[in-house]
Amino acid sequence: MSEQILQVPPPRRRGLMFVLSSPSGAGKTTIAKLVLKDPHIHMSVSATTRARRPNEVEGVDYHFVDDREFKGMVQRAEFLEHATVFGKRYGTPRANVEVALADGRDVLFDIDWQGTQQLKQTARDSLVSVFLLPPSIPELERRLRARAQDSEAVVHQRM
């Protein structure tokens, strides 16, 4: 009698959520671009009610929506997390992230501390969180001014 060995494929790996958080200007976008060179990591694209900046692309940088549409998405539980930051609303649409994770792809998030706290409550087992600090407060201010995207009032508020 011959024995047959049953070969079972290894279980499929579920993706992980990697969150980069920092004050604006601390360097998370630069680090995210380096991390995204890995083809197994997918960038989460947030929805926002803020105005599109020059060179930003709909669906690549953000999903730009008005306040009414954002509120509807919140009511329909379409976000993994959402928060108000400096008077504008931001949220991570659930559907694309869940598909990527189920497919075994890791997802990188560029969200603030409020969103990170929400994800820690709902997805702790799948979450890796990194908080970046700028080299110094004067350097942070220099970076915010150098990028010339914000008014003096916004720079002051961010500081």
C-alpha atoms as a PDB file:
ATOM      1  CA  MET A   1       0.000   0.000   0.000  1.00  0.00           C
ATOM      2  CA  SER A   2       1.510   3.319  -1.009  1.00  0.00           C
ATOM      3  CA  GLU A   3       1.084   6.450   1.040  1.00  0.00           C
ATOM      4  CA  GLN A   4       0.027   9.666  -0.554  1.00  0.00           C
ATOM      5  CA  ILE A   5       1.319  12.879   0.876  1.00  0.00           C
ATOM      6  CA  LEU A   6      -1.159  15.654   0.715  1.00  0.00           C
ATOM      7  CA  GLN A   7       0.470  18.979   0.038  1.00  0.00           C
ATOM      8  CA  VAL A   8      -1.437  21.871   1.485  1.00  0.00           C
ATOM      9  CA  PRO A   9      -0.506  25.345   0.257  1.00  0.00           C
ATOM     10  CA  PRO A  10       0.543  27.751   3.000  1.00  0.00           C
ATOM     11  CA  PRO A  11      -2.232  29.980   4.294  1.00  0.00           C
ATOM     12  CA  ARG A  12      -2.640  33.189   2.373  1.00  0.00           C
ATOM     13  CA  ARG A  13      -1.066  36.160   4.134  1.00  0.00           C
ATOM     14  CA  ARG A  14      -3.377  39.033   4.992  1.00  0.00           C
ATOM     15  CA  GLY A  15      -1.901  42.486   4.379  1.00  0.00           C
ATOM     16  CA  LEU A  16      -0.871  44.889   7.110  1.00  0.00           C
ATOM     17  CA  MET A  17      -1.748  48.538   7.615  1.00  0.00           C
ATOM     18  CA  PHE A  18       1.288  50.802   8.030  1.00  0.00           C
ATOM     19  CA  VAL A  19       0.510  54.270   9.400  1.00  0.00           C
ATOM     20  CA  LEU A  20       2.953  57.152   9.100  1.00  0.00           C
ATOM     21  CA  SER A  21       1.938  60.082  11.298  1.00  0.00           C
ATOM     22  CA  SER A  22       3.716  63.352  11.928  1.00  0.00           C
ATOM     23  CA  PRO A  23       3.251  67.081  12.062  1.00  0.00           C
ATOM     24  CA  SER A  24       3.026  68.643   8.593  1.00  0.00           C
ATOM     25  CA  GLY A  25       6.539  69.209   7.306  1.00  0.00           C
ATOM     26  CA  ALA A  26       8.238  66.464   9.358  1.00  0.00           C
ATOM     27  CA  GLY A  27       9.015  64.316   6.310  1.00  0.00           C
ATOM     28  CA  LYS A  28       6.303  61.663   6.083  1.00  0.00           C
ATOM     29  CA  THR A  29       5.625  62.289   2.374  1.00  0.00           C
ATOM     30  CA  THR A  30       9.315  61.850   1.569  1.00  0.00           C
ATOM     31  CA  ILE A  31       9.467  58.599   3.544  1.00  0.00           C
ATOM     32  CA  ALA A  32       6.187  57.374   2.044  1.00  0.00           C
ATOM     33  CA  LYS A  33       7.571  57.830  -1.482  1.00  0.00           C
ATOM     34  CA  LEU A  34      10.573  55.677  -0.589  1.00  0.00           C
ATOM     35  CA  VAL A  35       8.423  52.957   1.010  1.00  0.00           C
ATOM     36  CA  LEU A  36       6.074  52.886  -1.990  1.00  0.00           C
ATOM     37  CA  LYS A  37       8.899  51.776  -4.269  1.00  0.00           C
ATOM     38  CA  ASP A  38       8.104  48.295  -2.910  1.00  0.00           C
ATOM     39  CA  PRO A  39       5.457  46.873  -5.295  1.00  0.00           C
ATOM     40  CA  HIS A  40       3.762  44.966  -2.444  1.00  0.00           C
ATOM     41  CA  ILE A  41       2.761  48.164  -0.668  1.00  0.00           C
ATOM     42  CA  HIS A  42      -0.319  50.083  -1.763  1.00  0.00           C
ATOM     43  CA  MET A  43      -1.014  53.713  -0.793  1.00  0.00           C
ATOM     44  CA  SER A  44      -4.335  54.458   0.823  1.00  0.00           C
ATOM     45  CA  VAL A  45      -5.954  57.483  -0.797  1.00  0.00           C
ATOM     46  CA  SER A  46      -7.930  59.587   1.674  1.00  0.00           C
ATOM     47  CA  ALA A  47     -11.030  61.641   0.980  1.00  0.00           C
ATOM     48  CA  THR A  48     -10.931  65.295   2.002  1.00  0.00           C
ATOM     49  CA  THR A  49     -13.071  68.406   1.980  1.00  0.00           C
ATOM     50  CA  ARG A  50     -10.090  70.721   1.560  1.00  0.00           C
ATOM     51  CA  ALA A  51      -9.357  72.394  -1.749  1.00  0.00           C
ATOM     52  CA  ARG A  52      -7.034  70.694  -4.183  1.00  0.00           C
ATOM     53  CA  ARG A  53      -3.515  72.148  -4.234  1.00  0.00           C
ATOM     54  CA  PRO A  54      -1.586  72.774  -7.459  1.00  0.00           C
ATOM     55  CA  ASN A  55      -0.196  69.533  -8.926  1.00  0.00           C
ATOM     56  CA  GLU A  56      -2.520  67.292  -6.854  1.00  0.00           C
ATOM     57  CA  VAL A  57      -4.418  64.681  -8.840  1.00  0.00           C
ATOM     58  CA  GLU A  58      -7.931  63.466  -8.003  1.00  0.00           C
ATOM     59  CA  GLY A  59      -7.837  59.822  -6.937  1.00  0.00           C
ATOM     60  CA  VAL A  60      -4.052  59.797  -6.637  1.00  0.00           C
ATOM     61  CA  ASP A  61      -3.353  62.357  -3.915  1.00  0.00           C
ATOM     62  CA  TYR A  62      -6.879  62.542  -2.473  1.00  0.00           C
ATOM     63  CA  HIS A  63     -10.515  62.050  -3.332  1.00  0.00           C
ATOM     64  CA  PHE A  64     -11.768  65.638  -3.202  1.00  0.00           C
ATOM     65  CA  VAL A  65     -15.372  65.810  -1.983  1.00  0.00           C
ATOM     66  CA  ASP A  66     -17.635  68.513  -0.612  1.00  0.00           C
ATOM     67  CA  ASP A  67     -18.821  68.565   2.987  1.00  0.00           C
ATOM     68  CA  ARG A  68     -22.254  67.130   2.128  1.00  0.00           C
ATOM     69  CA  GLU A  69     -20.759  64.130   0.338  1.00  0.00           C
ATOM     70  CA  PHE A  70     -18.283  63.557   3.182  1.00  0.00           C
ATOM     71  CA  LYS A  71     -21.080  63.564   5.777  1.00  0.00           C
ATOM     72  CA  GLY A  72     -22.989  61.029   3.686  1.00  0.00           C
ATOM     73  CA  MET A  73     -19.939  58.768   3.565  1.00  0.00           C
ATOM     74  CA  VAL A  74     -19.680  58.977   7.367  1.00  0.00           C
ATOM     75  CA  GLN A  75     -23.379  58.102   7.764  1.00  0.00           C
ATOM     76  CA  ARG A  76     -23.000  55.097   5.435  1.00  0.00           C
ATOM     77  CA  ALA A  77     -19.934  53.889   7.430  1.00  0.00           C
ATOM     78  CA  GLU A  78     -17.746  54.103   4.308  1.00  0.00           C
ATOM     79  CA  PHE A  79     -14.648  55.191   6.266  1.00  0.00           C
ATOM     80  CA  LEU A  80     -12.184  53.137   8.293  1.00  0.00           C
ATOM     81  CA  GLU A  81     -11.354  56.365  10.114  1.00  0.00           C
ATOM     82  CA  HIS A  82     -12.148  60.043   9.745  1.00  0.00           C
ATOM     83  CA  ALA A  83     -11.261  63.279  11.486  1.00  0.00           C
ATOM     84  CA  THR A  84     -11.385  67.043  11.254  1.00  0.00           C
ATOM     85  CA  VAL A  85      -7.954  68.664  10.980  1.00  0.00           C
ATOM     86  CA  PHE A  86      -7.540  72.449  10.833  1.00  0.00           C
ATOM     87  CA  GLY A  87     -11.201  72.833   9.893  1.00  0.00           C
ATOM     88  CA  LYS A  88     -11.134  70.357   6.981  1.00  0.00           C
ATOM     89  CA  ARG A  89     -12.397  66.788   7.018  1.00  0.00           C
ATOM     90  CA  TYR A  90     -10.305  63.760   6.088  1.00  0.00           C
ATOM     91  CA  GLY A  91     -11.198  60.073   5.982  1.00  0.00           C
ATOM     92  CA  THR A  92      -9.956  56.730   4.675  1.00  0.00           C
ATOM     93  CA  PRO A  93     -12.475  55.027   2.369  1.00  0.00           C
ATOM     94  CA  ARG A  94     -12.939  51.457   3.578  1.00  0.00           C
ATOM     95  CA  ALA A  95     -13.571  49.498   0.357  1.00  0.00           C
ATOM     96  CA  ASN A  96     -10.210  49.745  -1.461  1.00  0.00           C
ATOM     97  CA  VAL A  97      -8.220  49.152   1.727  1.00  0.00           C
ATOM     98  CA  GLU A  98     -10.182  46.027   2.634  1.00  0.00           C
ATOM     99  CA  VAL A  99      -9.736  44.582  -0.872  1.00  0.00           C
ATOM    100  CA  ALA A 100      -5.961  45.214  -0.780  1.00  0.00           C
ATOM    101  CA  LEU A 101      -5.565  43.661   2.687  1.00  0.00           C
ATOM    102  CA  ALA A 102      -7.610  40.589   1.755  1.00  0.00           C
ATOM    103  CA  ASP A 103      -5.430  40.219  -1.350  1.00  0.00           C
ATOM    104  CA  GLY A 104      -2.312  40.101   0.848  1.00  0.00           C
ATOM    105  CA  ARG A 105      -1.081  43.589  -0.042  1.00  0.00           C
ATOM    106  CA  ASP A 106       0.164  45.949   2.651  1.00  0.00           C
ATOM    107  CA  VAL A 107      -1.387  49.422   2.781  1.00  0.00           C
ATOM    108  CA  LEU A 108       0.433  52.610   3.744  1.00  0.00           C
ATOM    109  CA  PHE A 109      -1.573  55.371   5.434  1.00  0.00           C
ATOM    110  CA  ASP A 110      -0.643  59.044   5.669  1.00  0.00           C
ATOM    111  CA  ILE A 111      -3.094  60.127   8.378  1.00  0.00           C
ATOM    112  CA  ASP A 112      -3.068  62.252  11.518  1.00  0.00           C
ATOM    113  CA  TRP A 113      -3.070  61.077  15.134  1.00  0.00           C
ATOM    114  CA  GLN A 114      -6.882  61.094  15.398  1.00  0.00           C
ATOM    115  CA  GLY A 115      -7.256  58.614  12.552  1.00  0.00           C
ATOM    116  CA  THR A 116      -4.426  56.503  13.923  1.00  0.00           C
ATOM    117  CA  GLN A 117      -6.207  56.255  17.281  1.00  0.00           C
ATOM    118  CA  GLN A 118      -9.408  55.098  15.539  1.00  0.00           C
ATOM    119  CA  LEU A 119      -7.513  52.406  13.616  1.00  0.00           C
ATOM    120  CA  LYS A 120      -5.823  51.252  16.833  1.00  0.00           C
ATOM    121  CA  GLN A 121      -9.278  50.644  18.302  1.00  0.00           C
ATOM    122  CA  THR A 122     -10.674  48.733  15.328  1.00  0.00           C
ATOM    123  CA  ALA A 123      -7.697  47.042  13.668  1.00  0.00           C
ATOM    124  CA  ARG A 124      -4.961  46.637  16.283  1.00  0.00           C
ATOM    125  CA  ASP A 125      -3.872  43.185  15.029  1.00  0.00           C
ATOM    126  CA  SER A 126      -3.250  44.466  11.487  1.00  0.00           C
ATOM    127  CA  LEU A 127      -1.692  47.822  12.362  1.00  0.00           C
ATOM    128  CA  VAL A 128       1.899  49.069  12.486  1.00  0.00           C
ATOM    129  CA  SER A 129       2.140  52.720  13.502  1.00  0.00           C
ATOM    130  CA  VAL A 130       5.144  55.056  13.185  1.00  0.00           C
ATOM    131  CA  PHE A 131       5.174  58.648  14.429  1.00  0.00           C
ATOM    132  CA  LEU A 132       7.819  60.896  12.878  1.00  0.00           C
ATOM    133  CA  LEU A 133       9.226  63.961  14.574  1.00  0.00           C
ATOM    134  CA  PRO A 134      11.000  66.796  12.756  1.00  0.00           C
ATOM    135  CA  PRO A 135      14.682  67.323  13.596  1.00  0.00           C
ATOM    136  CA  SER A 136      13.778  70.519  15.487  1.00  0.00           C
ATOM    137  CA  ILE A 137      11.026  73.115  15.816  1.00  0.00           C
ATOM    138  CA  PRO A 138      13.003  75.739  13.828  1.00  0.00           C
ATOM    139  CA  GLU A 139      13.591  73.182  11.041  1.00  0.00           C
ATOM    140  CA  LEU A 140       9.869  72.316  10.986  1.00  0.00           C
ATOM    141  CA  GLU A 141       8.988  75.990  10.578  1.00  0.00           C
ATOM    142  CA  ARG A 142      11.615  76.378   7.828  1.00  0.00           C
ATOM    143  CA  ARG A 143      10.146  73.393   5.936  1.00  0.00           C
ATOM    144  CA  LEU A 144       6.584  74.682   6.215  1.00  0.00           C
ATOM    145  CA  ARG A 145       7.607  78.081   4.857  1.00  0.00           C
ATOM    146  CA  ALA A 146       9.837  76.591   2.126  1.00  0.00           C
ATOM    147  CA  ARG A 147       7.064  74.541   0.595  1.00  0.00           C
ATOM    148  CA  ALA A 148       5.024  77.760   0.168  1.00  0.00           C
ATOM    149  CA  GLN A 149       1.653  75.990   0.261  1.00  0.00           C
ATOM    150  CA  ASP A 150       0.128  77.621   3.312  1.00  0.00           C
ATOM    151  CA  SER A 151      -0.702  81.149   4.378  1.00  0.00           C
ATOM    152  CA  GLU A 152       1.101  82.740   7.307  1.00  0.00           C
ATOM    153  CA  ALA A 153      -1.949  82.033   9.489  1.00  0.00           C
ATOM    154  CA  VAL A 154      -1.904  78.323   8.565  1.00  0.00           C
ATOM    155  CA  VAL A 155       1.847  78.041   9.214  1.00  0.00           C
ATOM    156  CA  HIS A 156       1.309  79.665  12.610  1.00  0.00           C
ATOM    157  CA  GLN A 157      -1.577  77.278  13.375  1.00  0.00           C
ATOM    158  CA  ARG A 158       0.492  74.230  12.374  1.00  0.00           C
ATOM    159  CA  MET A 159       3.364  75.375  14.582  1.00  0.00           C
END
